Amino acid sequence: MSSASSIVGWPGSPSYVVFRLVDGAFVTVEESGDLEERREWASVSKMAVALAFCVEVDWGLHAITENFGPRGATLSNLLSHSSGLGLEEGDPVAPVATKRIYSNFGIDNAVDVVTKDGDAAQWLEDRVFRGFGMNDTRLEGRPSAGVIGSTKDLARLAVAWLRPDGIVKETRDRFIKPFLPNLDGTVPGFGRFTPCPWGLGPEVRGDKSHWMGDWPPESFGHFGQSGALMLLNAQEQIGLVATSTENFGPWAVSLWPRWTSEMRVVALGS
């Protein structure tokens, strides 16, 4: 099923899937575009990294309270952008757990700890891609932003978050719950929010007025500079994913709040 009217104003050639789970079964509500083409996920890669850390926790290999970073930052601090590290290595830093500073470097640092500066691509393959049937997806750059895969595989990753049969539900719930929920911070491209809730990898909407539209406060997901996004709600068991041939820009700031709101109505009303 597709609806060209749903993506009026989205430049390039977007591809998306809107879905719901019914008694755990995947039901496509609406889809459009080339679902097989491999595209850059950019920062939506962090949703794969966070799921891999869920596996690490479930297997007892690491704990979210473990000291992972400089100046006493825990794994939770790194994944929730509360470590005080800047966006990239060498950027200004702040005290741990005092503000939400979006940090690609922090995510990469966390992966370096578990892989011991080894093969992050193989780590994600072993922990996530192979187990969840994501055969068209591979890390081809830095963990925080280097995954390339199909829209269909992005939907598979979304289902893995909503239907945590590959991870323990309680672990999933810890990762999508706001960590240090009262911290202020900035969502790149959308500005500063007080507070700026974030889970352990996924952004949590909270009361923010931005790309997640009018989805409920507990909704979670991520978007990337490539124009890709994932938005999910575990209580409603609905989700949407999208990839794009047009990089994030003013068009997305304007379009996405309306589009994601409309797609939630479509998912719930099907």
C-alpha atoms as a PDB file:
ATOM      1  CA  MET A   1       0.000   0.000   0.000  1.00  0.00           C
ATOM      2  CA  SER A   2       1.276   3.456  -0.785  1.00  0.00           C
ATOM      3  CA  SER A   3       0.056   7.015  -0.779  1.00  0.00           C
ATOM      4  CA  ALA A   4       1.993   9.569  -2.791  1.00  0.00           C
ATOM      5  CA  SER A   5       0.045  12.358  -1.075  1.00  0.00           C
ATOM      6  CA  SER A   6       1.600  11.351   2.241  1.00  0.00           C
ATOM      7  CA  ILE A   7       5.040  12.600   1.245  1.00  0.00           C
ATOM      8  CA  VAL A   8       4.199  15.803  -0.618  1.00  0.00           C
ATOM      9  CA  GLY A   9       7.017  18.214   0.162  1.00  0.00           C
ATOM     10  CA  TRP A  10       9.608  15.501   0.822  1.00  0.00           C
ATOM     11  CA  PRO A  11      12.362  16.126  -1.756  1.00  0.00           C
ATOM     12  CA  GLY A  12      14.271  13.417  -3.583  1.00  0.00           C
ATOM     13  CA  SER A  13      13.083   9.808  -3.486  1.00  0.00           C
ATOM     14  CA  PRO A  14      11.987   8.904   0.039  1.00  0.00           C
ATOM     15  CA  SER A  15      11.147   5.374   1.082  1.00  0.00           C
ATOM     16  CA  TYR A  16       9.067   4.570   4.141  1.00  0.00           C
ATOM     17  CA  VAL A  17       7.095   1.922   6.004  1.00  0.00           C
ATOM     18  CA  VAL A  18       4.308   2.565   8.501  1.00  0.00           C
ATOM     19  CA  PHE A  19       3.374  -0.518  10.505  1.00  0.00           C
ATOM     20  CA  ARG A  20       1.749  -1.919  13.598  1.00  0.00           C
ATOM     21  CA  LEU A  21       2.064  -5.150  15.528  1.00  0.00           C
ATOM     22  CA  VAL A  22      -1.085  -7.188  16.089  1.00  0.00           C
ATOM     23  CA  ASP A  23      -0.569  -9.894  18.704  1.00  0.00           C
ATOM     24  CA  GLY A  24       3.109  -9.655  17.818  1.00  0.00           C
ATOM     25  CA  ALA A  25       2.566 -10.062  14.076  1.00  0.00           C
ATOM     26  CA  PHE A  26       3.944  -7.398  11.732  1.00  0.00           C
ATOM     27  CA  VAL A  27       1.256  -5.634   9.692  1.00  0.00           C
ATOM     28  CA  THR A  28       2.228  -3.128   6.993  1.00  0.00           C
ATOM     29  CA  VAL A  29      -0.149  -0.183   7.092  1.00  0.00           C
ATOM     30  CA  GLU A  30       1.412   1.958   4.384  1.00  0.00           C
ATOM     31  CA  GLU A  31       4.633   1.914   2.413  1.00  0.00           C
ATOM     32  CA  SER A  32       6.181   3.808  -0.471  1.00  0.00           C
ATOM     33  CA  GLY A  33       9.432   4.016  -2.393  1.00  0.00           C
ATOM     34  CA  ASP A  34      12.261   1.590  -2.977  1.00  0.00           C
ATOM     35  CA  LEU A  35      12.408  -0.539   0.153  1.00  0.00           C
ATOM     36  CA  GLU A  36      15.362  -2.595  -1.104  1.00  0.00           C
ATOM     37  CA  GLU A  37      17.861   0.144  -1.996  1.00  0.00           C
ATOM     38  CA  ARG A  38      20.720   0.439   0.480  1.00  0.00           C
ATOM     39  CA  ARG A  39      20.973   3.958   1.856  1.00  0.00           C
ATOM     40  CA  GLU A  40      22.857   5.764   4.578  1.00  0.00           C
ATOM     41  CA  TRP A  41      21.137   5.756   7.943  1.00  0.00           C
ATOM     42  CA  ALA A  42      23.480   8.357   9.478  1.00  0.00           C
ATOM     43  CA  SER A  43      22.590   8.836  13.159  1.00  0.00           C
ATOM     44  CA  VAL A  44      19.762   6.305  13.004  1.00  0.00           C
ATOM     45  CA  SER A  45      22.749   3.946  13.241  1.00  0.00           C
ATOM     46  CA  LYS A  46      22.599   4.683  16.970  1.00  0.00           C
ATOM     47  CA  MET A  47      19.405   2.604  17.176  1.00  0.00           C
ATOM     48  CA  ALA A  48      21.394  -0.427  15.995  1.00  0.00           C
ATOM     49  CA  VAL A  49      24.246   0.358  18.393  1.00  0.00           C
ATOM     50  CA  ALA A  50      21.835   0.738  21.322  1.00  0.00           C
ATOM     51  CA  LEU A  51      20.172  -2.590  20.507  1.00  0.00           C
ATOM     52  CA  ALA A  52      23.600  -4.226  20.441  1.00  0.00           C
ATOM     53  CA  PHE A  53      24.207  -2.868  23.925  1.00  0.00           C
ATOM     54  CA  CYS A  54      20.874  -4.348  25.022  1.00  0.00           C
ATOM     55  CA  VAL A  55      22.310  -7.702  23.946  1.00  0.00           C
ATOM     56  CA  GLU A  56      25.535  -7.005  25.867  1.00  0.00           C
ATOM     57  CA  VAL A  57      23.480  -6.337  28.997  1.00  0.00           C
ATOM     58  CA  ASP A  58      21.285  -9.413  28.509  1.00  0.00           C
ATOM     59  CA  TRP A  59      24.334 -11.633  28.081  1.00  0.00           C
ATOM     60  CA  GLY A  60      25.867 -10.248  31.261  1.00  0.00           C
ATOM     61  CA  LEU A  61      28.895  -8.923  29.397  1.00  0.00           C
ATOM     62  CA  HIS A  62      28.457  -5.299  30.455  1.00  0.00           C
ATOM     63  CA  ALA A  63      26.233  -3.231  32.735  1.00  0.00           C
ATOM     64  CA  ILE A  64      24.688   0.172  32.086  1.00  0.00           C
ATOM     65  CA  THR A  65      26.246   1.412  35.348  1.00  0.00           C
ATOM     66  CA  GLU A  66      29.752   0.365  34.279  1.00  0.00           C
ATOM     67  CA  ASN A  67      32.413   3.063  34.008  1.00  0.00           C
ATOM     68  CA  PHE A  68      32.945   3.395  30.274  1.00  0.00           C
ATOM     69  CA  GLY A  69      34.241   6.857  29.635  1.00  0.00           C
ATOM     70  CA  PRO A  70      36.518   9.645  30.780  1.00  0.00           C
ATOM     71  CA  ARG A  71      35.956  11.414  34.100  1.00  0.00           C
ATOM     72  CA  GLY A  72      33.752   8.634  35.468  1.00  0.00           C
ATOM     73  CA  ALA A  73      31.147   8.545  32.711  1.00  0.00           C
ATOM     74  CA  THR A  74      29.120   5.332  32.713  1.00  0.00           C
ATOM     75  CA  LEU A  75      27.756   3.433  29.736  1.00  0.00           C
ATOM     76  CA  SER A  76      24.395   5.086  30.487  1.00  0.00           C
ATOM     77  CA  ASN A  77      26.025   8.524  30.338  1.00  0.00           C
ATOM     78  CA  LEU A  78      27.620   7.816  26.974  1.00  0.00           C
ATOM     79  CA  LEU A  79      24.480   6.379  25.372  1.00  0.00           C
ATOM     80  CA  SER A  80      22.222   9.144  26.706  1.00  0.00           C
ATOM     81  CA  HIS A  81      24.522  12.030  25.716  1.00  0.00           C
ATOM     82  CA  SER A  82      25.019  12.988  29.359  1.00  0.00           C
ATOM     83  CA  SER A  83      28.741  12.176  29.548  1.00  0.00           C
ATOM     84  CA  GLY A  84      29.754  15.790  29.065  1.00  0.00           C
ATOM     85  CA  LEU A  85      31.729  14.916  25.927  1.00  0.00           C
ATOM     86  CA  GLY A  86      31.351  17.216  22.939  1.00  0.00           C
ATOM     87  CA  LEU A  87      29.945  16.334  19.540  1.00  0.00           C
ATOM     88  CA  GLU A  88      33.353  15.205  18.281  1.00  0.00           C
ATOM     89  CA  GLU A  89      36.710  14.390  19.834  1.00  0.00           C
ATOM     90  CA  GLY A  90      38.441  17.538  21.004  1.00  0.00           C
ATOM     91  CA  ASP A  91      35.249  19.594  21.336  1.00  0.00           C
ATOM     92  CA  PRO A  92      34.615  21.407  24.645  1.00  0.00           C
ATOM     93  CA  VAL A  93      33.475  19.187  27.499  1.00  0.00           C
ATOM     94  CA  ALA A  94      31.235  19.687  30.522  1.00  0.00           C
ATOM     95  CA  PRO A  95      30.986  17.893  33.880  1.00  0.00           C
ATOM     96  CA  VAL A  96      29.360  14.474  33.694  1.00  0.00           C
ATOM     97  CA  ALA A  97      25.548  14.397  34.079  1.00  0.00           C
ATOM     98  CA  THR A  98      25.068  18.166  34.038  1.00  0.00           C
ATOM     99  CA  LYS A  99      23.628  18.712  30.556  1.00  0.00           C
ATOM    100  CA  ARG A 100      22.589  16.819  27.452  1.00  0.00           C
ATOM    101  CA  ILE A 101      25.326  17.377  24.862  1.00  0.00           C
ATOM    102  CA  TYR A 102      24.733  15.375  21.692  1.00  0.00           C
ATOM    103  CA  SER A 103      27.941  13.416  21.177  1.00  0.00           C
ATOM    104  CA  ASN A 104      28.885  11.180  18.271  1.00  0.00           C
ATOM    105  CA  PHE A 105      32.256  10.813  19.953  1.00  0.00           C
ATOM    106  CA  GLY A 106      30.599   9.459  23.097  1.00  0.00           C
ATOM    107  CA  ILE A 107      28.780   6.716  21.173  1.00  0.00           C
ATOM    108  CA  ASP A 108      31.938   5.754  19.288  1.00  0.00           C
ATOM    109  CA  ASN A 109      33.818   5.704  22.595  1.00  0.00           C
ATOM    110  CA  ALA A 110      31.320   3.252  24.088  1.00  0.00           C
ATOM    111  CA  VAL A 111      31.677   0.898  21.127  1.00  0.00           C
ATOM    112  CA  ASP A 112      35.466   1.126  21.330  1.00  0.00           C
ATOM    113  CA  VAL A 113      35.299  -0.078  24.932  1.00  0.00           C
ATOM    114  CA  VAL A 114      33.353  -3.256  24.126  1.00  0.00           C
ATOM    115  CA  THR A 115      35.233  -4.045  20.917  1.00  0.00           C
ATOM    116  CA  LYS A 116      38.598  -3.042  22.409  1.00  0.00           C
ATOM    117  CA  ASP A 117      39.215  -0.867  19.351  1.00  0.00           C
ATOM    118  CA  GLY A 118      38.466  -3.898  17.196  1.00  0.00           C
ATOM    119  CA  ASP A 119      35.959  -4.621  14.469  1.00  0.00           C
ATOM    120  CA  ALA A 120      32.799  -2.643  15.256  1.00  0.00           C
ATOM    121  CA  ALA A 121      31.212  -3.819  11.998  1.00  0.00           C
ATOM    122  CA  GLN A 122      31.550  -7.460  13.041  1.00  0.00           C
ATOM    123  CA  TRP A 123      30.246  -6.638  16.506  1.00  0.00           C
ATOM    124  CA  LEU A 124      27.051  -5.163  15.052  1.00  0.00           C
ATOM    125  CA  GLU A 125      26.772  -8.058  12.617  1.00  0.00           C
ATOM    126  CA  ASP A 126      27.029 -10.575  15.463  1.00  0.00           C
ATOM    127  CA  ARG A 127      24.813  -8.737  17.949  1.00  0.00           C
ATOM    128  CA  VAL A 128      22.115  -7.307  15.669  1.00  0.00           C
ATOM    129  CA  PHE A 129      22.181  -7.644  11.891  1.00  0.00           C
ATOM    130  CA  ARG A 130      22.487 -11.407  11.508  1.00  0.00           C
ATOM    131  CA  GLY A 131      20.141 -12.300  14.344  1.00  0.00           C
ATOM    132  CA  PHE A 132      17.351 -10.023  13.169  1.00  0.00           C
ATOM    133  CA  GLY A 133      17.578 -10.958   9.488  1.00  0.00           C
ATOM    134  CA  MET A 134      19.029  -7.653   8.333  1.00  0.00           C
ATOM    135  CA  ASN A 135      20.888  -9.108   5.380  1.00  0.00           C
ATOM    136  CA  ASP A 136      21.235  -5.859   3.408  1.00  0.00           C
ATOM    137  CA  THR A 137      22.754  -3.849   6.236  1.00  0.00           C
ATOM    138  CA  ARG A 138      26.356  -3.277   7.261  1.00  0.00           C
ATOM    139  CA  LEU A 139      28.397  -0.798   9.253  1.00  0.00           C
ATOM    140  CA  GLU A 140      30.659   0.936   6.728  1.00  0.00           C
ATOM    141  CA  GLY A 141      31.872   3.826   8.841  1.00  0.00           C
ATOM    142  CA  ARG A 142      31.917   4.975  12.444  1.00  0.00           C
ATOM    143  CA  PRO A 143      29.392   3.275  14.768  1.00  0.00           C
ATOM    144  CA  SER A 144      27.559   6.503  15.616  1.00  0.00           C
ATOM    145  CA  ALA A 145      26.609   7.242  12.019  1.00  0.00           C
ATOM    146  CA  GLY A 146      28.050   4.709   9.560  1.00  0.00           C
ATOM    147  CA  VAL A 147      25.356   2.090   8.958  1.00  0.00           C
ATOM    148  CA  ILE A 148      24.138   1.587   5.384  1.00  0.00           C
ATOM    149  CA  GLY A 149      21.087  -0.567   4.769  1.00  0.00           C
ATOM    150  CA  SER A 150      17.698  -0.921   3.151  1.00  0.00           C
ATOM    151  CA  THR A 151      14.446   0.588   4.369  1.00  0.00           C
ATOM    152  CA  LYS A 152      13.124  -2.950   4.746  1.00  0.00           C
ATOM    153  CA  ASP A 153      15.977  -3.772   7.121  1.00  0.00           C
ATOM    154  CA  LEU A 154      15.352  -0.543   9.015  1.00  0.00           C
ATOM    155  CA  ALA A 155      11.787  -1.774   9.575  1.00  0.00           C
ATOM    156  CA  ARG A 156      13.202  -5.077  10.880  1.00  0.00           C
ATOM    157  CA  LEU A 157      15.308  -3.136  13.370  1.00  0.00           C
ATOM    158  CA  ALA A 158      12.224  -1.184  14.424  1.00  0.00           C
ATOM    159  CA  VAL A 159      10.300  -4.399  15.058  1.00  0.00           C
ATOM    160  CA  ALA A 160      13.190  -5.693  17.174  1.00  0.00           C
ATOM    161  CA  TRP A 161      12.666  -2.683  19.457  1.00  0.00           C
ATOM    162  CA  LEU A 162       8.875  -2.991  19.598  1.00  0.00           C
ATOM    163  CA  ARG A 163       8.730  -6.775  19.925  1.00  0.00           C
ATOM    164  CA  PRO A 164      11.768  -7.576  22.037  1.00  0.00           C
ATOM    165  CA  ASP A 165      11.867 -11.306  21.434  1.00  0.00           C
ATOM    166  CA  GLY A 166      15.596 -11.047  20.772  1.00  0.00           C
ATOM    167  CA  ILE A 167      16.243  -9.103  23.965  1.00  0.00           C
ATOM    168  CA  VAL A 168      14.698  -9.104  27.428  1.00  0.00           C
ATOM    169  CA  LYS A 169      11.695  -6.767  27.624  1.00  0.00           C
ATOM    170  CA  GLU A 170      12.898  -5.296  30.902  1.00  0.00           C
ATOM    171  CA  THR A 171      16.211  -4.420  29.244  1.00  0.00           C
ATOM    172  CA  ARG A 172      14.407  -2.763  26.342  1.00  0.00           C
ATOM    173  CA  ASP A 173      12.287  -0.777  28.762  1.00  0.00           C
ATOM    174  CA  ARG A 174      15.374   0.527  30.568  1.00  0.00           C
ATOM    175  CA  PHE A 175      16.871   1.682  27.292  1.00  0.00           C
ATOM    176  CA  ILE A 176      13.754   3.599  26.179  1.00  0.00           C
ATOM    177  CA  LYS A 177      13.143   5.212  29.573  1.00  0.00           C
ATOM    178  CA  PRO A 178      14.522   8.753  29.958  1.00  0.00           C
ATOM    179  CA  PHE A 179      17.874   8.730  31.743  1.00  0.00           C
ATOM    180  CA  LEU A 180      18.458  11.797  33.922  1.00  0.00           C
ATOM    181  CA  PRO A 181      15.148  13.109  32.546  1.00  0.00           C
ATOM    182  CA  ASN A 182      15.481  16.669  33.828  1.00  0.00           C
ATOM    183  CA  LEU A 183      18.654  17.540  31.929  1.00  0.00           C
ATOM    184  CA  ASP A 184      18.480  20.408  29.447  1.00  0.00           C
ATOM    185  CA  GLY A 185      19.943  19.901  26.019  1.00  0.00           C
ATOM    186  CA  THR A 186      19.799  20.423  22.295  1.00  0.00           C
ATOM    187  CA  VAL A 187      18.370  18.241  19.533  1.00  0.00           C
ATOM    188  CA  PRO A 188      20.505  18.935  16.446  1.00  0.00           C
ATOM    189  CA  GLY A 189      18.493  20.835  13.867  1.00  0.00           C
ATOM    190  CA  PHE A 190      15.567  21.497  16.203  1.00  0.00           C
ATOM    191  CA  GLY A 191      17.051  23.581  18.994  1.00  0.00           C
ATOM    192  CA  ARG A 192      17.281  23.614  22.759  1.00  0.00           C
ATOM    193  CA  PHE A 193      14.746  21.934  25.039  1.00  0.00           C
ATOM    194  CA  THR A 194      14.174  22.232  28.787  1.00  0.00           C
ATOM    195  CA  PRO A 195      14.196  19.416  29.665  1.00  0.00           C
ATOM    196  CA  CYS A 196      15.566  17.274  26.829  1.00  0.00           C
ATOM    197  CA  PRO A 197      14.771  13.626  27.718  1.00  0.00           C
ATOM    198  CA  TRP A 198      16.799  10.839  26.151  1.00  0.00           C
ATOM    199  CA  GLY A 199      17.006   7.104  26.665  1.00  0.00           C
ATOM    200  CA  LEU A 200      20.097   4.913  26.355  1.00  0.00           C
ATOM    201  CA  GLY A 201      20.508   5.496  22.625  1.00  0.00           C
ATOM    202  CA  PRO A 202      16.966   6.347  21.494  1.00  0.00           C
ATOM    203  CA  GLU A 203      15.671   9.882  21.843  1.00  0.00           C
ATOM    204  CA  VAL A 204      12.471  10.055  23.923  1.00  0.00           C
ATOM    205  CA  ARG A 205       9.916  12.646  22.926  1.00  0.00           C
ATOM    206  CA  GLY A 206       8.762  13.868  26.342  1.00  0.00           C
ATOM    207  CA  ASP A 207       7.169  17.297  25.886  1.00  0.00           C
ATOM    208  CA  LYS A 208       9.432  18.360  23.052  1.00  0.00           C
ATOM    209  CA  SER A 209       7.751  19.993  20.053  1.00  0.00           C
ATOM    210  CA  HIS A 210       9.769  18.839  17.074  1.00  0.00           C
ATOM    211  CA  TRP A 211      10.156  16.053  14.517  1.00  0.00           C
ATOM    212  CA  MET A 212       8.105  13.533  16.525  1.00  0.00           C
ATOM    213  CA  GLY A 213       4.977  15.630  16.022  1.00  0.00           C
ATOM    214  CA  ASP A 214       2.146  14.810  18.410  1.00  0.00           C
ATOM    215  CA  TRP A 215       3.272  11.276  19.265  1.00  0.00           C
ATOM    216  CA  PRO A 216       2.848  10.487  22.996  1.00  0.00           C
ATOM    217  CA  PRO A 217       5.612  11.477  25.456  1.00  0.00           C
ATOM    218  CA  GLU A 218       6.930   7.896  25.804  1.00  0.00           C
ATOM    219  CA  SER A 219       7.523   7.572  22.034  1.00  0.00           C
ATOM    220  CA  PHE A 220      11.134   7.033  21.040  1.00  0.00           C
ATOM    221  CA  GLY A 221      13.418   6.842  18.018  1.00  0.00           C
ATOM    222  CA  HIS A 222      16.061   8.748  16.107  1.00  0.00           C
ATOM    223  CA  PHE A 223      16.690  10.668  12.915  1.00  0.00           C
ATOM    224  CA  GLY A 224      19.822  11.202  10.885  1.00  0.00           C
ATOM    225  CA  GLN A 225      21.506  13.775   8.677  1.00  0.00           C
ATOM    226  CA  SER A 226      20.875  11.467   5.719  1.00  0.00           C
ATOM    227  CA  GLY A 227      17.136  12.142   6.029  1.00  0.00           C
ATOM    228  CA  ALA A 228      16.455   8.745   7.617  1.00  0.00           C
ATOM    229  CA  LEU A 229      14.278   8.320  10.683  1.00  0.00           C
ATOM    230  CA  MET A 230      12.692   5.784  13.022  1.00  0.00           C
ATOM    231  CA  LEU A 231       9.800   6.604  15.356  1.00  0.00           C
ATOM    232  CA  LEU A 232       8.156   4.027  17.636  1.00  0.00           C
ATOM    233  CA  ASN A 233       5.657   3.643  20.448  1.00  0.00           C
ATOM    234  CA  ALA A 234       5.846   0.465  22.515  1.00  0.00           C
ATOM    235  CA  GLN A 235       2.481   0.943  24.234  1.00  0.00           C
ATOM    236  CA  GLU A 236       0.582   1.490  20.983  1.00  0.00           C
ATOM    237  CA  GLN A 237       2.718  -1.081  19.132  1.00  0.00           C
ATOM    238  CA  ILE A 238       3.099   1.165  16.094  1.00  0.00           C
ATOM    239  CA  GLY A 239       6.075   2.494  14.208  1.00  0.00           C
ATOM    240  CA  LEU A 240       7.394   4.162  11.113  1.00  0.00           C
ATOM    241  CA  VAL A 241      10.762   4.181   9.393  1.00  0.00           C
ATOM    242  CA  ALA A 242      12.024   6.156   6.439  1.00  0.00           C
ATOM    243  CA  THR A 243      15.146   6.653   4.366  1.00  0.00           C
ATOM    244  CA  SER A 244      15.864   9.423   1.899  1.00  0.00           C
ATOM    245  CA  THR A 245      18.006  10.492  -1.016  1.00  0.00           C
ATOM    246  CA  GLU A 246      17.880  14.060   0.313  1.00  0.00           C
ATOM    247  CA  ASN A 247      19.913  15.060   3.343  1.00  0.00           C
ATOM    248  CA  PHE A 248      18.252  16.550   6.415  1.00  0.00           C
ATOM    249  CA  GLY A 249      17.578  20.257   6.078  1.00  0.00           C
ATOM    250  CA  PRO A 250      14.935  22.969   6.523  1.00  0.00           C
ATOM    251  CA  TRP A 251      12.495  20.858   4.519  1.00  0.00           C
ATOM    252  CA  ALA A 252      12.603  18.172   7.241  1.00  0.00           C
ATOM    253  CA  VAL A 253      12.224  20.666  10.099  1.00  0.00           C
ATOM    254  CA  SER A 254       9.050  21.884   8.389  1.00  0.00           C
ATOM    255  CA  LEU A 255       7.688  18.568   7.077  1.00  0.00           C
ATOM    256  CA  TRP A 256       8.441  15.933   9.675  1.00  0.00           C
ATOM    257  CA  PRO A 257       6.287  17.218  12.592  1.00  0.00           C
ATOM    258  CA  ARG A 258       3.208  17.171  10.355  1.00  0.00           C
ATOM    259  CA  TRP A 259       4.140  13.974   8.547  1.00  0.00           C
ATOM    260  CA  THR A 260       4.907  11.911  11.634  1.00  0.00           C
ATOM    261  CA  SER A 261       1.642  13.094  13.228  1.00  0.00           C
ATOM    262  CA  GLU A 262      -0.320  12.053  10.145  1.00  0.00           C
ATOM    263  CA  MET A 263       1.401   8.677   9.996  1.00  0.00           C
ATOM    264  CA  ARG A 264       0.504   7.956  13.627  1.00  0.00           C
ATOM    265  CA  VAL A 265      -3.160   8.507  12.785  1.00  0.00           C
ATOM    266  CA  VAL A 266      -2.777   6.191   9.783  1.00  0.00           C
ATOM    267  CA  ALA A 267      -1.118   3.481  11.904  1.00  0.00           C
ATOM    268  CA  LEU A 268      -3.729   3.637  14.648  1.00  0.00           C
ATOM    269  CA  GLY A 269      -6.704   3.907  12.316  1.00  0.00           C
ATOM    270  CA  SER A 270      -5.900   0.971  10.075  1.00  0.00           C
END
